Amino acid sequence: MDFKQIEAFVNVAKYKSFSKAAEAIFLSQPTVSAHIASLEQELGVILFDRSSKEIRLTQAGAIFLDYAINLTNVRNTAIARLSELGTKITGNLTIASSTTPCRFLLPQLLKTFYDKYPNVNYDIKEESTKEVVDMILLGNADVGIVGEIIKDTKLTYSKVYEDRLVLISSTSLPDVVPIDTLLSQRFILRERGSATRSVFENALSKLGIEIDKIKIFAEVSSLEAVLQFVKAGAGISVVSEIACKDYIQTGFLSKHTIKDVNITRGIYVVTHNKRPLSPVAKEFLKHIETFSEK
């Protein structure tokens, strides 16, 4: 078993395609196929189900993937540490983030981090909280930033920000909206899997109100779509206060609170506690800690 075989395996698992994996690691498809075949022969198991158009991991492949990613990360960390000798932070950093922190916290974080370490390159992935967590678990991102904790023994969460959710509208609702008024309104909601939606549903549940009791006009897959629908008068919504700040200041939207309800949530950085972090990722985590203390 060598690292070329392991690298080929990890990329086929990531892209679910021999050809796309070959492009990613600059090898020919036959070479990647040969690496996988020799790895399967050496391990004595079949790693991929090739019976359908999309390549899928077998049970043995899923078990081996975690070990393969760990081996790759250890090798990359060793190379980075030896080349830098602890004196220079360079390299690539892949950050997966849910919508609100990606758009309203991450730019400031990366600007101040860049001021200290200008030789770092970034790959930013904006996804739902669930997808961010999946990327961390699969090794497709170094660091995740999310608005909700999805428990897993392989994950470590650290709170970096306290976020407040507010009710927004384009109408003349009162500053404090009673529950009965709230239930009479049309709602624009984020898709299931969004941390904002999950926190809102939990807040309603504590009031004894299930999500099917409110009038849902539309479910949308982006924060920007929520803001535009509400701006157009299609309904109301609950969003992060920092996400709608510009719209409030320019008068496009109005901000309200729900009577006797204070909806807050933490913004968390999440990492895989079974995999070693690169020097760049470690330094970025230190930077986030400094940011959260301000």
C-alpha atoms as a PDB file:
ATOM      1  CA  MET A   1       0.000   0.000   0.000  1.00  0.00           C
ATOM      2  CA  ASP A   2       1.379   3.431  -0.935  1.00  0.00           C
ATOM      3  CA  PHE A   3       0.153   7.005  -0.823  1.00  0.00           C
ATOM      4  CA  LYS A   4      -0.655   7.104  -4.550  1.00  0.00           C
ATOM      5  CA  GLN A   5      -3.158   4.306  -4.033  1.00  0.00           C
ATOM      6  CA  ILE A   6      -4.630   5.997  -0.973  1.00  0.00           C
ATOM      7  CA  GLU A   7      -4.854   9.368  -2.736  1.00  0.00           C
ATOM      8  CA  ALA A   8      -6.633   7.733  -5.672  1.00  0.00           C
ATOM      9  CA  PHE A   9      -9.067   5.959  -3.324  1.00  0.00           C
ATOM     10  CA  VAL A  10      -9.914   9.132  -1.355  1.00  0.00           C
ATOM     11  CA  ASN A  11     -10.581  11.119  -4.522  1.00  0.00           C
ATOM     12  CA  VAL A  12     -12.747   8.439  -6.140  1.00  0.00           C
ATOM     13  CA  ALA A  13     -14.767   8.350  -2.905  1.00  0.00           C
ATOM     14  CA  LYS A  14     -14.996  12.154  -2.915  1.00  0.00           C
ATOM     15  CA  TYR A  15     -16.040  12.622  -6.561  1.00  0.00           C
ATOM     16  CA  LYS A  16     -17.851   9.263  -6.962  1.00  0.00           C
ATOM     17  CA  SER A  17     -16.177   8.973 -10.341  1.00  0.00           C
ATOM     18  CA  PHE A  18     -12.904   7.492 -11.597  1.00  0.00           C
ATOM     19  CA  SER A  19     -12.607  10.086 -14.366  1.00  0.00           C
ATOM     20  CA  LYS A  20     -13.221  13.096 -12.087  1.00  0.00           C
ATOM     21  CA  ALA A  21     -10.784  11.703  -9.525  1.00  0.00           C
ATOM     22  CA  ALA A  22      -8.182  11.297 -12.253  1.00  0.00           C
ATOM     23  CA  GLU A  23      -8.614  14.941 -13.291  1.00  0.00           C
ATOM     24  CA  ALA A  24      -8.320  16.117  -9.678  1.00  0.00           C
ATOM     25  CA  ILE A  25      -4.983  14.368  -9.057  1.00  0.00           C
ATOM     26  CA  PHE A  26      -3.605  14.789 -12.613  1.00  0.00           C
ATOM     27  CA  LEU A  27      -3.486  11.102 -13.493  1.00  0.00           C
ATOM     28  CA  SER A  28      -5.066   9.103 -16.298  1.00  0.00           C
ATOM     29  CA  GLN A  29      -8.252   7.193 -15.569  1.00  0.00           C
ATOM     30  CA  PRO A  30      -6.592   3.810 -16.260  1.00  0.00           C
ATOM     31  CA  THR A  31      -3.881   4.679 -13.732  1.00  0.00           C
ATOM     32  CA  VAL A  32      -6.457   5.537 -11.071  1.00  0.00           C
ATOM     33  CA  SER A  33      -8.352   2.325 -11.843  1.00  0.00           C
ATOM     34  CA  ALA A  34      -5.114   0.346 -11.543  1.00  0.00           C
ATOM     35  CA  HIS A  35      -4.323   1.970  -8.179  1.00  0.00           C
ATOM     36  CA  ILE A  36      -7.777   1.054  -6.842  1.00  0.00           C
ATOM     37  CA  ALA A  37      -7.579  -2.499  -8.184  1.00  0.00           C
ATOM     38  CA  SER A  38      -4.156  -3.100  -6.612  1.00  0.00           C
ATOM     39  CA  LEU A  39      -5.345  -1.575  -3.324  1.00  0.00           C
ATOM     40  CA  GLU A  40      -8.398  -3.848  -3.279  1.00  0.00           C
ATOM     41  CA  GLN A  41      -6.211  -6.847  -4.028  1.00  0.00           C
ATOM     42  CA  GLU A  42      -3.800  -5.960  -1.238  1.00  0.00           C
ATOM     43  CA  LEU A  43      -6.581  -5.365   1.298  1.00  0.00           C
ATOM     44  CA  GLY A  44      -8.565  -8.381   0.161  1.00  0.00           C
ATOM     45  CA  VAL A  45     -11.864  -6.446  -0.064  1.00  0.00           C
ATOM     46  CA  ILE A  46     -13.930  -4.612  -2.694  1.00  0.00           C
ATOM     47  CA  LEU A  47     -13.911  -0.892  -1.933  1.00  0.00           C
ATOM     48  CA  PHE A  48     -16.358   0.404  -4.562  1.00  0.00           C
ATOM     49  CA  ASP A  49     -19.668  -0.762  -5.979  1.00  0.00           C
ATOM     50  CA  ARG A  50     -19.259  -0.256  -9.726  1.00  0.00           C
ATOM     51  CA  SER A  51     -22.657  -1.666 -10.741  1.00  0.00           C
ATOM     52  CA  SER A  52     -24.305   1.740 -11.339  1.00  0.00           C
ATOM     53  CA  LYS A  53     -23.316   4.928 -13.154  1.00  0.00           C
ATOM     54  CA  GLU A  54     -22.367   6.650  -9.886  1.00  0.00           C
ATOM     55  CA  ILE A  55     -19.543   4.907  -8.034  1.00  0.00           C
ATOM     56  CA  ARG A  56     -20.462   4.093  -4.424  1.00  0.00           C
ATOM     57  CA  LEU A  57     -18.438   2.918  -1.452  1.00  0.00           C
ATOM     58  CA  THR A  58     -19.035  -0.607  -0.215  1.00  0.00           C
ATOM     59  CA  GLN A  59     -19.291  -1.204   3.526  1.00  0.00           C
ATOM     60  CA  ALA A  60     -15.582  -2.073   3.558  1.00  0.00           C
ATOM     61  CA  GLY A  61     -14.810   1.062   1.555  1.00  0.00           C
ATOM     62  CA  ALA A  62     -16.712   3.273   3.993  1.00  0.00           C
ATOM     63  CA  ILE A  63     -14.742   1.810   6.896  1.00  0.00           C
ATOM     64  CA  PHE A  64     -11.412   2.254   5.121  1.00  0.00           C
ATOM     65  CA  LEU A  65     -12.188   5.849   4.030  1.00  0.00           C
ATOM     66  CA  ASP A  66     -11.749   7.304   7.511  1.00  0.00           C
ATOM     67  CA  TYR A  67      -8.347   5.652   7.881  1.00  0.00           C
ATOM     68  CA  ALA A  68      -7.305   6.721   4.384  1.00  0.00           C
ATOM     69  CA  ILE A  69      -8.172  10.368   5.064  1.00  0.00           C
ATOM     70  CA  ASN A  70      -6.285  10.239   8.356  1.00  0.00           C
ATOM     71  CA  LEU A  71      -3.199   8.826   6.619  1.00  0.00           C
ATOM     72  CA  THR A  72      -3.359  11.541   3.959  1.00  0.00           C
ATOM     73  CA  ASN A  73      -3.765  14.307   6.543  1.00  0.00           C
ATOM     74  CA  VAL A  74      -0.854  13.004   8.630  1.00  0.00           C
ATOM     75  CA  ARG A  75       1.365  12.924   5.554  1.00  0.00           C
ATOM     76  CA  ASN A  76       0.336  16.446   4.488  1.00  0.00           C
ATOM     77  CA  THR A  77       0.832  17.800   7.989  1.00  0.00           C
ATOM     78  CA  ALA A  78       4.289  16.223   8.235  1.00  0.00           C
ATOM     79  CA  ILE A  79       5.325  17.690   4.891  1.00  0.00           C
ATOM     80  CA  ALA A  80       3.988  21.129   5.835  1.00  0.00           C
ATOM     81  CA  ARG A  81       5.667  21.130   9.220  1.00  0.00           C
ATOM     82  CA  LEU A  82       9.014  20.022   7.834  1.00  0.00           C
ATOM     83  CA  SER A  83       8.951  22.535   4.992  1.00  0.00           C
ATOM     84  CA  GLU A  84       7.944  25.445   7.200  1.00  0.00           C
ATOM     85  CA  LEU A  85       9.877  24.418  10.313  1.00  0.00           C
ATOM     86  CA  GLY A  86       7.274  26.322  12.308  1.00  0.00           C
ATOM     87  CA  THR A  87       8.365  29.711  10.986  1.00  0.00           C
ATOM     88  CA  LYS A  88       5.988  30.421   8.109  1.00  0.00           C
ATOM     89  CA  ILE A  89       2.256  29.827   7.703  1.00  0.00           C
ATOM     90  CA  THR A  90       1.507  29.035   4.049  1.00  0.00           C
ATOM     91  CA  GLY A  91      -0.691  26.673   2.088  1.00  0.00           C
ATOM     92  CA  ASN A  92      -4.376  26.075   1.422  1.00  0.00           C
ATOM     93  CA  LEU A  93      -7.293  26.262   3.831  1.00  0.00           C
ATOM     94  CA  THR A  94     -10.721  24.855   2.958  1.00  0.00           C
ATOM     95  CA  ILE A  95     -13.522  26.353   5.046  1.00  0.00           C
ATOM     96  CA  ALA A  96     -17.112  25.138   4.857  1.00  0.00           C
ATOM     97  CA  SER A  97     -19.653  27.520   6.353  1.00  0.00           C
ATOM     98  CA  SER A  98     -23.400  27.870   6.659  1.00  0.00           C
ATOM     99  CA  THR A  99     -24.930  30.936   5.034  1.00  0.00           C
ATOM    100  CA  THR A 100     -25.047  33.543   7.800  1.00  0.00           C
ATOM    101  CA  PRO A 101     -21.484  33.153   9.132  1.00  0.00           C
ATOM    102  CA  CYS A 102     -20.149  32.714   5.596  1.00  0.00           C
ATOM    103  CA  ARG A 103     -21.532  36.055   4.439  1.00  0.00           C
ATOM    104  CA  PHE A 104     -21.407  38.180   7.567  1.00  0.00           C
ATOM    105  CA  LEU A 105     -18.624  36.844   9.836  1.00  0.00           C
ATOM    106  CA  LEU A 106     -16.146  35.018   7.635  1.00  0.00           C
ATOM    107  CA  PRO A 107     -15.149  38.031   5.472  1.00  0.00           C
ATOM    108  CA  GLN A 108     -13.984  39.940   8.559  1.00  0.00           C
ATOM    109  CA  LEU A 109     -12.254  36.867   9.977  1.00  0.00           C
ATOM    110  CA  LEU A 110     -10.347  36.183   6.768  1.00  0.00           C
ATOM    111  CA  LYS A 111      -9.421  39.830   6.235  1.00  0.00           C
ATOM    112  CA  THR A 112      -7.719  40.036   9.630  1.00  0.00           C
ATOM    113  CA  PHE A 113      -6.169  36.573   9.197  1.00  0.00           C
ATOM    114  CA  TYR A 114      -4.815  37.596   5.777  1.00  0.00           C
ATOM    115  CA  ASP A 115      -3.215  40.673   7.318  1.00  0.00           C
ATOM    116  CA  LYS A 116      -1.131  38.299   9.485  1.00  0.00           C
ATOM    117  CA  TYR A 117      -0.599  35.486   6.942  1.00  0.00           C
ATOM    118  CA  PRO A 118      -0.751  36.765   3.338  1.00  0.00           C
ATOM    119  CA  ASN A 119       0.564  33.502   1.837  1.00  0.00           C
ATOM    120  CA  VAL A 120      -2.523  31.431   2.618  1.00  0.00           C
ATOM    121  CA  ASN A 121      -5.018  30.526  -0.124  1.00  0.00           C
ATOM    122  CA  TYR A 122      -8.675  29.862   0.669  1.00  0.00           C
ATOM    123  CA  ASP A 123     -11.374  27.594  -0.698  1.00  0.00           C
ATOM    124  CA  ILE A 124     -14.718  28.721   0.771  1.00  0.00           C
ATOM    125  CA  LYS A 125     -17.770  26.455   0.578  1.00  0.00           C
ATOM    126  CA  GLU A 126     -21.175  27.936   1.471  1.00  0.00           C
ATOM    127  CA  GLU A 127     -23.534  25.104   2.395  1.00  0.00           C
ATOM    128  CA  SER A 128     -26.335  24.244   4.817  1.00  0.00           C
ATOM    129  CA  THR A 129     -25.295  23.314   8.356  1.00  0.00           C
ATOM    130  CA  LYS A 130     -25.908  19.614   7.688  1.00  0.00           C
ATOM    131  CA  GLU A 131     -23.781  19.700   4.523  1.00  0.00           C
ATOM    132  CA  VAL A 132     -20.984  21.558   6.355  1.00  0.00           C
ATOM    133  CA  VAL A 133     -20.919  18.846   9.019  1.00  0.00           C
ATOM    134  CA  ASP A 134     -20.894  16.136   6.343  1.00  0.00           C
ATOM    135  CA  MET A 135     -17.907  17.830   4.658  1.00  0.00           C
ATOM    136  CA  ILE A 136     -15.980  17.860   7.937  1.00  0.00           C
ATOM    137  CA  LEU A 137     -16.782  14.205   8.582  1.00  0.00           C
ATOM    138  CA  LEU A 138     -15.709  13.208   5.057  1.00  0.00           C
ATOM    139  CA  GLY A 139     -12.509  15.260   5.171  1.00  0.00           C
ATOM    140  CA  ASN A 140     -13.623  17.619   2.388  1.00  0.00           C
ATOM    141  CA  ALA A 141     -13.036  20.723   4.546  1.00  0.00           C
ATOM    142  CA  ASP A 142     -10.477  21.624   7.205  1.00  0.00           C
ATOM    143  CA  VAL A 143     -12.732  23.841   9.312  1.00  0.00           C
ATOM    144  CA  GLY A 144     -16.492  24.354   9.458  1.00  0.00           C
ATOM    145  CA  ILE A 145     -18.541  27.284  10.763  1.00  0.00           C
ATOM    146  CA  VAL A 146     -22.189  26.579  11.586  1.00  0.00           C
ATOM    147  CA  GLY A 147     -25.198  27.979  13.442  1.00  0.00           C
ATOM    148  CA  GLU A 148     -26.296  24.741  15.060  1.00  0.00           C
ATOM    149  CA  ILE A 149     -24.655  21.767  16.776  1.00  0.00           C
ATOM    150  CA  ILE A 150     -25.254  18.420  15.091  1.00  0.00           C
ATOM    151  CA  LYS A 151     -23.892  15.949  17.615  1.00  0.00           C
ATOM    152  CA  ASP A 152     -21.270  13.403  16.570  1.00  0.00           C
ATOM    153  CA  THR A 153     -18.510  11.920  18.704  1.00  0.00           C
ATOM    154  CA  LYS A 154     -15.994  12.693  15.939  1.00  0.00           C
ATOM    155  CA  LEU A 155     -16.714  16.432  16.031  1.00  0.00           C
ATOM    156  CA  THR A 156     -15.567  19.247  18.308  1.00  0.00           C
ATOM    157  CA  TYR A 157     -17.520  22.540  18.489  1.00  0.00           C
ATOM    158  CA  SER A 158     -16.375  25.887  19.900  1.00  0.00           C
ATOM    159  CA  LYS A 159     -18.691  28.893  20.161  1.00  0.00           C
ATOM    160  CA  VAL A 160     -17.404  32.024  18.420  1.00  0.00           C
ATOM    161  CA  TYR A 161     -20.442  34.326  18.252  1.00  0.00           C
ATOM    162  CA  GLU A 162     -23.905  34.863  19.766  1.00  0.00           C
ATOM    163  CA  ASP A 163     -26.434  35.472  16.989  1.00  0.00           C
ATOM    164  CA  ARG A 164     -29.911  36.963  17.482  1.00  0.00           C
ATOM    165  CA  LEU A 165     -32.804  36.075  15.187  1.00  0.00           C
ATOM    166  CA  VAL A 166     -35.430  38.712  14.400  1.00  0.00           C
ATOM    167  CA  LEU A 167     -38.746  38.865  12.581  1.00  0.00           C
ATOM    168  CA  ILE A 168     -38.643  40.849   9.321  1.00  0.00           C
ATOM    169  CA  SER A 169     -41.410  42.230   7.122  1.00  0.00           C
ATOM    170  CA  SER A 170     -42.134  44.895   4.520  1.00  0.00           C
ATOM    171  CA  THR A 171     -45.402  45.842   6.213  1.00  0.00           C
ATOM    172  CA  SER A 172     -46.483  47.969   9.134  1.00  0.00           C
ATOM    173  CA  LEU A 173     -46.429  45.263  11.777  1.00  0.00           C
ATOM    174  CA  PRO A 174     -45.928  46.511  15.351  1.00  0.00           C
ATOM    175  CA  ASP A 175     -42.425  46.487  16.802  1.00  0.00           C
ATOM    176  CA  VAL A 176     -43.503  43.670  19.119  1.00  0.00           C
ATOM    177  CA  VAL A 177     -45.680  41.105  17.350  1.00  0.00           C
ATOM    178  CA  PRO A 178     -48.142  39.004  19.405  1.00  0.00           C
ATOM    179  CA  ILE A 179     -48.307  35.269  18.725  1.00  0.00           C
ATOM    180  CA  ASP A 180     -51.852  35.410  17.289  1.00  0.00           C
ATOM    181  CA  THR A 181     -50.738  38.089  14.787  1.00  0.00           C
ATOM    182  CA  LEU A 182     -47.705  35.978  13.919  1.00  0.00           C
ATOM    183  CA  LEU A 183     -49.860  32.949  13.110  1.00  0.00           C
ATOM    184  CA  SER A 184     -52.042  34.996  10.756  1.00  0.00           C
ATOM    185  CA  GLN A 185     -49.073  35.950   8.530  1.00  0.00           C
ATOM    186  CA  ARG A 186     -47.596  34.202   5.478  1.00  0.00           C
ATOM    187  CA  PHE A 187     -44.061  32.917   6.057  1.00  0.00           C
ATOM    188  CA  ILE A 188     -41.013  32.624   3.849  1.00  0.00           C
ATOM    189  CA  LEU A 189     -38.774  29.910   5.316  1.00  0.00           C
ATOM    190  CA  ARG A 190     -35.341  28.528   4.585  1.00  0.00           C
ATOM    191  CA  GLU A 191     -35.107  24.894   3.468  1.00  0.00           C
ATOM    192  CA  ARG A 192     -34.946  22.021   5.932  1.00  0.00           C
ATOM    193  CA  GLY A 193     -31.345  21.540   7.042  1.00  0.00           C
ATOM    194  CA  SER A 194     -30.877  25.287   7.559  1.00  0.00           C
ATOM    195  CA  ALA A 195     -29.791  26.173  11.093  1.00  0.00           C
ATOM    196  CA  THR A 196     -31.939  29.334  11.077  1.00  0.00           C
ATOM    197  CA  ARG A 197     -35.056  27.313  10.308  1.00  0.00           C
ATOM    198  CA  SER A 198     -34.192  24.688  12.914  1.00  0.00           C
ATOM    199  CA  VAL A 199     -33.704  27.300  15.647  1.00  0.00           C
ATOM    200  CA  PHE A 200     -37.005  28.998  14.705  1.00  0.00           C
ATOM    201  CA  GLU A 201     -38.885  25.688  14.754  1.00  0.00           C
ATOM    202  CA  ASN A 202     -37.448  24.889  18.185  1.00  0.00           C
ATOM    203  CA  ALA A 203     -38.553  28.303  19.486  1.00  0.00           C
ATOM    204  CA  LEU A 204     -42.097  27.703  18.193  1.00  0.00           C
ATOM    205  CA  SER A 205     -42.120  24.219  19.688  1.00  0.00           C
ATOM    206  CA  LYS A 206     -41.354  25.654  23.143  1.00  0.00           C
ATOM    207  CA  LEU A 207     -44.508  27.751  22.733  1.00  0.00           C
ATOM    208  CA  GLY A 208     -46.478  24.630  21.877  1.00  0.00           C
ATOM    209  CA  ILE A 209     -46.698  25.571  18.190  1.00  0.00           C
ATOM    210  CA  GLU A 210     -45.699  23.046  15.534  1.00  0.00           C
ATOM    211  CA  ILE A 211     -44.351  24.279  12.223  1.00  0.00           C
ATOM    212  CA  ASP A 212     -47.419  23.053  10.316  1.00  0.00           C
ATOM    213  CA  LYS A 213     -49.559  25.545  12.265  1.00  0.00           C
ATOM    214  CA  ILE A 214     -48.037  28.537  10.487  1.00  0.00           C
ATOM    215  CA  LYS A 215     -48.854  29.609   6.943  1.00  0.00           C
ATOM    216  CA  ILE A 216     -45.828  28.770   4.791  1.00  0.00           C
ATOM    217  CA  PHE A 217     -45.954  30.680   1.514  1.00  0.00           C
ATOM    218  CA  ALA A 218     -42.586  29.430   0.233  1.00  0.00           C
ATOM    219  CA  GLU A 219     -39.494  27.492   1.252  1.00  0.00           C
ATOM    220  CA  VAL A 220     -36.300  28.767  -0.372  1.00  0.00           C
ATOM    221  CA  SER A 221     -32.717  27.566  -0.421  1.00  0.00           C
ATOM    222  CA  SER A 222     -30.867  30.846   0.095  1.00  0.00           C
ATOM    223  CA  LEU A 223     -30.829  33.755   2.523  1.00  0.00           C
ATOM    224  CA  GLU A 224     -30.858  36.280  -0.307  1.00  0.00           C
ATOM    225  CA  ALA A 225     -34.050  34.732  -1.680  1.00  0.00           C
ATOM    226  CA  VAL A 226     -35.692  35.053   1.766  1.00  0.00           C
ATOM    227  CA  LEU A 227     -34.808  38.742   1.940  1.00  0.00           C
ATOM    228  CA  GLN A 228     -36.048  39.449  -1.586  1.00  0.00           C
ATOM    229  CA  PHE A 229     -39.348  37.601  -1.059  1.00  0.00           C
ATOM    230  CA  VAL A 230     -39.989  39.519   2.152  1.00  0.00           C
ATOM    231  CA  LYS A 231     -38.950  42.810   0.526  1.00  0.00           C
ATOM    232  CA  ALA A 232     -41.494  42.149  -2.241  1.00  0.00           C
ATOM    233  CA  GLY A 233     -44.246  41.706   0.353  1.00  0.00           C
ATOM    234  CA  ALA A 234     -44.761  37.989  -0.233  1.00  0.00           C
ATOM    235  CA  GLY A 235     -44.573  37.213   3.469  1.00  0.00           C
ATOM    236  CA  ILE A 236     -42.549  37.568   6.656  1.00  0.00           C
ATOM    237  CA  SER A 237     -39.593  35.585   7.939  1.00  0.00           C
ATOM    238  CA  VAL A 238     -37.171  35.062  10.804  1.00  0.00           C
ATOM    239  CA  VAL A 239     -33.500  35.668   9.990  1.00  0.00           C
ATOM    240  CA  SER A 240     -30.224  36.566  11.657  1.00  0.00           C
ATOM    241  CA  GLU A 241     -30.105  40.185  12.789  1.00  0.00           C
ATOM    242  CA  ILE A 242     -26.683  40.713  11.218  1.00  0.00           C
ATOM    243  CA  ALA A 243     -27.951  39.259   7.924  1.00  0.00           C
ATOM    244  CA  CYS A 244     -30.702  41.861   7.494  1.00  0.00           C
ATOM    245  CA  LYS A 245     -28.885  44.871   8.967  1.00  0.00           C
ATOM    246  CA  ASP A 246     -28.245  46.596   5.618  1.00  0.00           C
ATOM    247  CA  TYR A 247     -31.860  46.086   4.494  1.00  0.00           C
ATOM    248  CA  ILE A 248     -33.142  47.568   7.755  1.00  0.00           C
ATOM    249  CA  GLN A 249     -30.833  50.589   7.590  1.00  0.00           C
ATOM    250  CA  THR A 250     -31.869  51.380   3.993  1.00  0.00           C
ATOM    251  CA  GLY A 251     -35.573  51.053   4.827  1.00  0.00           C
ATOM    252  CA  PHE A 252     -36.297  48.086   2.559  1.00  0.00           C
ATOM    253  CA  LEU A 253     -37.360  45.917   5.505  1.00  0.00           C
ATOM    254  CA  SER A 254     -38.696  46.384   9.026  1.00  0.00           C
ATOM    255  CA  LYS A 255     -37.398  44.518  12.062  1.00  0.00           C
ATOM    256  CA  HIS A 256     -39.686  43.172  14.795  1.00  0.00           C
ATOM    257  CA  THR A 257     -39.552  40.978  17.872  1.00  0.00           C
ATOM    258  CA  ILE A 258     -42.040  38.274  18.794  1.00  0.00           C
ATOM    259  CA  LYS A 259     -43.810  38.954  22.093  1.00  0.00           C
ATOM    260  CA  ASP A 260     -42.252  37.047  25.004  1.00  0.00           C
ATOM    261  CA  VAL A 261     -39.832  35.265  22.651  1.00  0.00           C
ATOM    262  CA  ASN A 262     -36.084  35.896  22.471  1.00  0.00           C
ATOM    263  CA  ILE A 263     -34.492  33.750  19.780  1.00  0.00           C
ATOM    264  CA  THR A 264     -30.727  33.442  19.931  1.00  0.00           C
ATOM    265  CA  ARG A 265     -28.254  30.856  18.753  1.00  0.00           C
ATOM    266  CA  GLY A 266     -24.535  30.294  18.857  1.00  0.00           C
ATOM    267  CA  ILE A 267     -22.250  30.364  15.849  1.00  0.00           C
ATOM    268  CA  TYR A 268     -19.709  27.564  16.197  1.00  0.00           C
ATOM    269  CA  VAL A 269     -16.471  26.479  14.603  1.00  0.00           C
ATOM    270  CA  VAL A 270     -16.441  22.716  14.070  1.00  0.00           C
ATOM    271  CA  THR A 271     -13.506  20.385  13.403  1.00  0.00           C
ATOM    272  CA  HIS A 272     -12.891  16.645  13.230  1.00  0.00           C
ATOM    273  CA  ASN A 273     -11.294  15.537  16.493  1.00  0.00           C
ATOM    274  CA  LYS A 274      -9.875  12.315  15.045  1.00  0.00           C
ATOM    275  CA  ARG A 275      -7.832  13.958  12.299  1.00  0.00           C
ATOM    276  CA  PRO A 276      -4.732  16.133  12.709  1.00  0.00           C
ATOM    277  CA  LEU A 277      -5.100  19.729  11.545  1.00  0.00           C
ATOM    278  CA  SER A 278      -2.634  21.367   9.190  1.00  0.00           C
ATOM    279  CA  PRO A 279      -0.486  24.217  10.602  1.00  0.00           C
ATOM    280  CA  VAL A 280      -2.647  26.701   8.647  1.00  0.00           C
ATOM    281  CA  ALA A 281      -5.875  25.325  10.123  1.00  0.00           C
ATOM    282  CA  LYS A 282      -4.412  25.345  13.642  1.00  0.00           C
ATOM    283  CA  GLU A 283      -3.373  28.968  13.292  1.00  0.00           C
ATOM    284  CA  PHE A 284      -6.792  29.903  11.899  1.00  0.00           C
ATOM    285  CA  LEU A 285      -8.476  28.326  14.932  1.00  0.00           C
ATOM    286  CA  LYS A 286      -6.253  30.408  17.214  1.00  0.00           C
ATOM    287  CA  HIS A 287      -7.278  33.482  15.231  1.00  0.00           C
ATOM    288  CA  ILE A 288     -10.979  32.631  15.644  1.00  0.00           C
ATOM    289  CA  GLU A 289     -10.493  32.296  19.414  1.00  0.00           C
ATOM    290  CA  THR A 290      -9.005  35.788  19.507  1.00  0.00           C
ATOM    291  CA  PHE A 291     -11.938  37.117  17.434  1.00  0.00           C
ATOM    292  CA  SER A 292     -14.551  35.505  19.728  1.00  0.00           C
ATOM    293  CA  GLU A 293     -12.964  37.105  22.798  1.00  0.00           C
ATOM    294  CA  LYS A 294     -13.491  40.634  21.435  1.00  0.00           C
END
